[in-house]
Amino acid sequence: MKSYSNTRKSPSSASAGRASNGSLRLDLTGQLHHTLRRVSPGFRFHLITADPDDDKFADCAIAAEADYLITEDRHFDVLKTAGYKPQPITPEEFIRRHLGGA
């Protein structure tokens, strides 16, 4: 996943092609399935003090008003008590709750 803080940097021409292809794929998937929404957080919440590089994912989840942030990273447990909508959930738990799987 490309972090939102890196999207404004000038990439090399080779990586620019990969980035534009990735953006195009995300745009097309969103148009076909109506499951993706591009967000640009206007505020940095600085919630993940144990690993500040993870903040970008929490910021995007909060800005998108996501129900869940699917992760196995325990740094996101701070979201459980931070007062924001997205809650961390493991992939296995998400599947169990929402897809009826194991």
Protein backbone atom coordinates (compact mmCIF):
# COMPACT_ATOMS: atom_id res chain seq x y z
CA MET A 1 0.00 0.00 0.00
CA LYS A 2 1.37 3.40 -0.90
CA SER A 3 1.37 5.80 2.01
CA TYR A 4 -0.39 9.10 1.52
CA SER A 5 2.67 11.02 2.68
CA ASN A 6 4.68 9.61 -0.22
CA THR A 7 2.21 10.43 -2.99
CA ARG A 8 3.44 14.00 -3.43
CA LYS A 9 7.13 13.09 -3.91
CA SER A 10 8.58 13.04 -7.41
CA PRO A 11 9.28 9.38 -8.20
CA SER A 12 11.74 8.15 -10.80
CA SER A 13 10.28 7.49 -14.24
CA ALA A 14 10.26 3.69 -13.68
CA SER A 15 8.51 3.93 -10.34
CA ALA A 16 6.19 6.62 -11.71
CA GLY A 17 4.91 4.11 -14.26
CA ARG A 18 4.33 1.51 -11.55
CA ALA A 19 2.63 4.08 -9.32
CA SER A 20 0.31 5.27 -12.08
CA ASN A 21 -0.52 1.65 -13.00
CA GLY A 22 -1.30 0.92 -9.36
CA SER A 23 -3.50 4.01 -9.10
CA LEU A 24 -5.25 3.06 -12.33
CA ARG A 25 -5.94 -0.46 -11.00
CA LEU A 26 -7.35 0.94 -7.76
CA ASP A 27 -9.52 3.41 -9.67
CA LEU A 28 -10.86 0.70 -11.98
CA THR A 29 -11.52 -1.69 -9.09
CA GLY A 30 -13.39 1.04 -7.26
CA GLN A 31 -15.50 1.79 -10.31
CA LEU A 32 -16.32 -1.87 -10.91
CA HIS A 33 -17.05 -2.91 -7.35
CA HIS A 34 -17.89 0.36 -5.59
CA THR A 35 -15.80 -0.81 -2.65
CA LEU A 36 -12.91 1.64 -2.69
CA ARG A 37 -12.81 5.28 -1.73
CA ARG A 38 -9.74 7.48 -2.05
CA VAL A 39 -9.14 9.60 1.03
CA SER A 40 -6.71 12.39 1.76
CA PRO A 41 -6.51 12.97 5.49
CA GLY A 42 -6.52 16.67 6.29
CA PHE A 43 -5.22 16.07 9.80
CA ARG A 44 -2.55 13.87 11.34
CA PHE A 45 -3.77 12.28 14.55
CA HIS A 46 -0.40 10.96 15.83
CA LEU A 47 -2.03 8.02 17.63
CA ILE A 48 0.51 5.27 17.01
CA THR A 49 3.33 6.35 19.31
CA ALA A 50 4.95 2.89 19.33
CA ASP A 51 5.53 3.08 15.55
CA PRO A 52 4.84 6.55 14.10
CA ASP A 53 5.23 5.21 10.54
CA ASP A 54 1.90 3.39 11.11
CA ASP A 55 0.09 6.69 11.73
CA LYS A 56 -0.63 7.13 8.01
CA PHE A 57 -2.83 4.02 8.04
CA ALA A 58 -4.73 5.08 11.17
CA ASP A 59 -5.16 8.60 9.71
CA CYS A 60 -6.61 7.19 6.49
CA ALA A 61 -8.96 4.83 8.35
CA ILE A 62 -10.22 7.70 10.53
CA ALA A 63 -10.62 10.08 7.57
CA ALA A 64 -12.52 7.39 5.64
CA GLU A 65 -14.74 6.73 8.66
CA ALA A 66 -13.90 3.04 8.22
CA ASP A 67 -15.50 0.52 10.54
CA TYR A 68 -12.33 -1.56 10.78
CA LEU A 69 -8.62 -1.42 10.19
CA ILE A 70 -7.70 -5.00 9.32
CA THR A 71 -4.27 -5.76 10.75
CA GLU A 72 -2.25 -8.11 12.89
CA ASP A 73 -0.10 -5.22 14.14
CA ARG A 74 -0.70 -4.65 17.86
CA HIS A 75 0.39 -1.00 17.54
CA PHE A 76 -3.13 -0.27 16.29
CA ASP A 77 -4.71 -1.46 19.56
CA VAL A 78 -4.60 2.19 20.66
CA LEU A 79 -7.58 2.74 18.33
CA LYS A 80 -9.74 0.61 20.65
CA THR A 81 -9.81 3.41 23.23
CA ALA A 82 -8.98 6.49 21.14
CA GLY A 83 -12.62 7.44 20.53
CA TYR A 84 -12.53 7.10 16.74
CA LYS A 85 -14.74 4.84 14.64
CA PRO A 86 -12.21 2.44 13.06
CA GLN A 87 -11.41 -0.52 15.25
CA PRO A 88 -8.43 -2.82 14.70
CA ILE A 89 -9.38 -6.37 13.80
CA THR A 90 -7.31 -9.33 12.64
CA PRO A 91 -7.99 -10.79 9.20
CA GLU A 92 -9.15 -14.03 10.81
CA GLU A 93 -11.61 -12.25 13.09
CA PHE A 94 -12.95 -10.16 10.20
CA ILE A 95 -13.53 -13.29 8.12
CA ARG A 96 -15.19 -15.05 11.04
CA ARG A 97 -17.53 -12.13 11.79
CA HIS A 98 -18.37 -10.91 8.32
CA LEU A 99 -17.76 -13.67 5.84
CA GLY A 100 -18.82 -16.67 7.90
CA GLY A 101 -15.43 -18.34 7.59
CA ALA A 102 -13.19 -20.12 10.05
